Amino acid sequence: MNRETAARLLEKSLKDIFAFSVSRLYNKQDAEDLTNDIVTEVLASVGRLECDSAFYGFMWKIAENTL
């Protein structure tokens, strides 16, 4: 998967990622920071994703690990 495709998919998922962050941290500023960290890690790692259909599982696993 290329970074442009991943960025489009991440853009569609930003609200969900932020909701994930808020539900675990209960602080808006910390949740924004975590959301940024998750997006950064996904974009940095997307080159290792072999199956495009596994993107969302890949993204959520990175979110859990980044938390």
Protein backbone atom coordinates (compact mmCIF):
# COMPACT_ATOMS: atom_id res chain seq x y z
CA MET A 1 0.00 0.00 0.00
CA ASN A 2 1.31 3.46 -0.77
CA ARG A 3 1.29 6.41 1.61
CA GLU A 4 -1.30 8.37 -0.38
CA THR A 5 -3.86 5.57 -0.13
CA ALA A 6 -3.08 5.12 3.55
CA ALA A 7 -3.44 8.87 4.14
CA ARG A 8 -6.89 8.83 2.51
CA LEU A 9 -8.01 5.90 4.64
CA LEU A 10 -6.61 7.53 7.77
CA GLU A 11 -8.41 10.77 6.97
CA LYS A 12 -11.69 8.86 6.89
CA SER A 13 -10.84 7.27 10.25
CA LEU A 14 -9.59 10.31 12.18
CA LYS A 15 -12.78 10.73 14.21
CA ASP A 16 -12.70 7.06 15.17
CA ILE A 17 -9.03 7.22 16.14
CA PHE A 18 -9.67 10.35 18.20
CA ALA A 19 -12.65 8.67 19.91
CA PHE A 20 -10.38 5.70 20.70
CA SER A 21 -7.83 8.07 22.22
CA VAL A 22 -10.36 10.03 24.28
CA SER A 23 -11.99 6.87 25.60
CA ARG A 24 -8.68 5.70 26.99
CA LEU A 25 -7.11 8.95 28.18
CA TYR A 26 -10.08 11.13 29.23
CA ASN A 27 -8.09 14.26 28.41
CA LYS A 28 -8.58 16.12 25.14
CA GLN A 29 -4.99 17.36 24.80
CA ASP A 30 -3.49 13.95 25.55
CA ALA A 31 -5.98 12.35 23.15
CA GLU A 32 -4.96 14.76 20.38
CA ASP A 33 -1.30 13.92 20.99
CA LEU A 34 -2.01 10.18 20.93
CA THR A 35 -4.05 10.55 17.73
CA ASN A 36 -1.14 12.35 16.08
CA ASP A 37 1.27 9.66 17.26
CA ILE A 38 -0.98 6.91 15.87
CA VAL A 39 -1.30 8.60 12.47
CA THR A 40 2.46 9.14 12.33
CA GLU A 41 3.20 5.51 13.20
CA VAL A 42 0.69 4.18 10.65
CA LEU A 43 2.15 6.30 7.86
CA ALA A 44 5.69 5.31 8.83
CA SER A 45 4.82 1.60 8.87
CA VAL A 46 2.42 1.30 5.96
CA GLY A 47 5.16 0.14 3.61
CA ARG A 48 5.30 -3.16 5.49
CA LEU A 49 1.60 -3.85 4.92
CA GLU A 50 1.35 -6.57 2.29
CA CYS A 51 -2.43 -6.90 1.99
CA ASP A 52 -4.37 -3.68 1.44
CA SER A 53 -7.57 -5.22 2.76
CA ALA A 54 -5.90 -5.63 6.18
CA PHE A 55 -5.36 -1.89 6.59
CA TYR A 56 -7.94 -1.29 9.33
CA GLY A 57 -6.72 -4.20 11.46
CA PHE A 58 -3.18 -2.94 10.93
CA MET A 59 -4.22 0.58 11.93
CA TRP A 60 -6.02 -0.55 15.10
CA LYS A 61 -3.13 -2.76 16.19
CA ILE A 62 -0.77 0.19 15.83
CA ALA A 63 -3.23 2.31 17.83
CA GLU A 64 -3.23 -0.24 20.65
CA ASN A 65 0.56 -0.54 20.60
CA THR A 66 1.04 3.23 20.51
CA LEU A 67 -1.26 3.66 23.49
